[in-house]
Amino acid sequence: MKHILFLVIGLIFSNVFMTFAWYAHLKNLNDKPWLIAAMVSWGIAFFEYLIQVPANRIGHTVLSLGQLKIIQEVITLSVFLPFSLFYMKEKISINYLWAGFCLLGAVYFIFKK
């Protein structure tokens, strides 16, 4: 159970970095050349990898690769939704709810014995 907890906490933190690396430049560096945005994003993503790689290595000691990927996707959407709402000021639609239900189905099936 300790491995799963480390995995989930690690993936939450790494996804915060990843989400900012992938999307924050659309708001903060929109007036800069794409190369500047890419360099800043790579700099942020470096810290994402420092957290994500050990989290996945530890998680893989108790979970299959498919289970790791589904957990990653659930955490990604869980981090992305508040980011898009509060940081990027995007409007939420019902499609986010349907996507969440699909991910719950994926969790069910990947962990089903």
Protein backbone atom coordinates (compact mmCIF):
# COMPACT_ATOMS: atom_id res chain seq x y z
CA MET A 1 0.00 0.00 0.00
CA LYS A 2 2.93 2.34 0.72
CA HIS A 3 4.10 1.92 -2.89
CA ILE A 4 0.67 2.85 -4.27
CA LEU A 5 0.53 5.94 -2.05
CA PHE A 6 4.01 7.04 -3.18
CA LEU A 7 2.96 6.44 -6.80
CA VAL A 8 -0.23 8.48 -6.54
CA ILE A 9 1.38 11.39 -4.67
CA GLY A 10 4.33 11.38 -7.07
CA LEU A 11 2.07 11.34 -10.12
CA ILE A 12 -0.07 14.17 -8.74
CA PHE A 13 3.01 16.37 -8.25
CA SER A 14 4.54 15.38 -11.59
CA ASN A 15 1.25 16.09 -13.36
CA VAL A 16 1.14 19.59 -11.91
CA PHE A 17 4.56 20.24 -13.47
CA MET A 18 3.56 18.49 -16.70
CA THR A 19 0.33 20.45 -17.05
CA PHE A 20 2.15 23.75 -16.58
CA ALA A 21 4.89 22.65 -18.99
CA TRP A 22 2.40 21.67 -21.69
CA TYR A 23 -0.23 24.38 -21.36
CA ALA A 24 0.78 27.41 -19.25
CA HIS A 25 2.82 28.86 -22.13
CA LEU A 26 -0.47 29.35 -23.99
CA LYS A 27 -1.36 31.98 -21.41
CA ASN A 28 2.01 33.28 -20.22
CA LEU A 29 4.23 33.14 -23.31
CA ASN A 30 1.69 33.55 -26.09
CA ASP A 31 3.48 36.66 -27.37
CA LYS A 32 6.92 34.97 -27.39
CA PRO A 33 8.40 32.85 -30.19
CA TRP A 34 7.55 29.16 -29.96
CA LEU A 35 11.21 28.30 -29.32
CA ILE A 36 11.19 30.34 -26.09
CA ALA A 37 7.95 28.63 -25.03
CA ALA A 38 9.48 25.23 -25.83
CA MET A 39 12.63 25.93 -23.81
CA VAL A 40 10.63 27.13 -20.80
CA SER A 41 8.34 24.10 -21.12
CA TRP A 42 11.30 21.71 -21.28
CA GLY A 43 12.75 23.34 -18.19
CA ILE A 44 9.50 22.76 -16.30
CA ALA A 45 9.16 19.22 -17.69
CA PHE A 46 12.60 18.35 -16.32
CA PHE A 47 11.18 18.58 -12.80
CA GLU A 48 8.16 16.52 -13.87
CA TYR A 49 10.48 13.71 -14.95
CA LEU A 50 12.46 13.88 -11.71
CA ILE A 51 9.24 12.99 -9.89
CA GLN A 52 7.40 10.85 -12.45
CA VAL A 53 10.18 8.39 -13.27
CA PRO A 54 10.81 7.22 -9.67
CA ALA A 55 7.06 7.18 -8.97
CA ASN A 56 6.43 4.87 -11.93
CA ARG A 57 9.41 2.67 -11.09
CA ILE A 58 8.12 2.17 -7.56
CA GLY A 59 4.53 1.77 -8.77
CA HIS A 60 5.58 -0.89 -11.27
CA THR A 61 6.75 -3.10 -8.40
CA VAL A 62 3.09 -3.63 -7.42
CA LEU A 63 1.06 -2.72 -10.54
CA SER A 64 1.07 -3.74 -14.17
CA LEU A 65 2.01 -1.30 -16.92
CA GLY A 66 -1.64 -0.98 -17.96
CA GLN A 67 -2.69 -0.19 -14.39
CA LEU A 68 0.05 2.44 -14.15
CA LYS A 69 -1.15 4.08 -17.37
CA ILE A 70 -4.81 4.19 -16.31
CA ILE A 71 -3.88 5.70 -12.93
CA GLN A 72 -1.76 8.26 -14.80
CA GLU A 73 -4.70 9.22 -17.02
CA VAL A 74 -7.10 9.59 -14.08
CA ILE A 75 -4.61 11.79 -12.24
CA THR A 76 -3.91 13.79 -15.40
CA LEU A 77 -7.59 14.64 -15.83
CA SER A 78 -7.93 15.34 -12.09
CA VAL A 79 -5.06 17.84 -12.28
CA PHE A 80 -6.02 19.26 -15.68
CA LEU A 81 -9.60 20.12 -14.78
CA PRO A 82 -8.82 22.58 -11.96
CA PHE A 83 -5.88 23.93 -13.99
CA SER A 84 -8.09 24.68 -16.97
CA LEU A 85 -10.88 26.14 -14.83
CA PHE A 86 -8.93 28.25 -12.37
CA TYR A 87 -5.64 29.04 -14.09
CA MET A 88 -6.60 29.16 -17.76
CA LYS A 89 -10.17 30.37 -17.07
CA GLU A 90 -11.68 27.86 -19.50
CA LYS A 91 -15.33 26.93 -19.41
CA ILE A 92 -16.21 23.41 -18.33
CA SER A 93 -18.64 21.35 -20.37
CA ILE A 94 -20.59 18.18 -19.79
CA ASN A 95 -17.99 16.37 -21.88
CA TYR A 96 -15.57 16.53 -18.94
CA LEU A 97 -18.11 14.54 -16.93
CA TRP A 98 -18.49 11.94 -19.68
CA ALA A 99 -14.71 11.66 -20.00
CA GLY A 100 -14.52 11.12 -16.24
CA PHE A 101 -17.08 8.32 -16.46
CA CYS A 102 -15.08 6.70 -19.25
CA LEU A 103 -11.96 6.84 -17.08
CA LEU A 104 -13.85 5.28 -14.17
CA GLY A 105 -14.81 2.47 -16.53
CA ALA A 106 -11.17 2.11 -17.56
CA VAL A 107 -10.14 1.91 -13.90
CA TYR A 108 -12.76 -0.75 -13.25
CA PHE A 109 -11.72 -2.92 -16.18
CA ILE A 110 -7.94 -2.60 -15.75
CA PHE A 111 -8.15 -3.56 -12.07
CA LYS A 112 -10.82 -6.26 -12.53
CA LYS A 113 -9.45 -9.70 -11.71
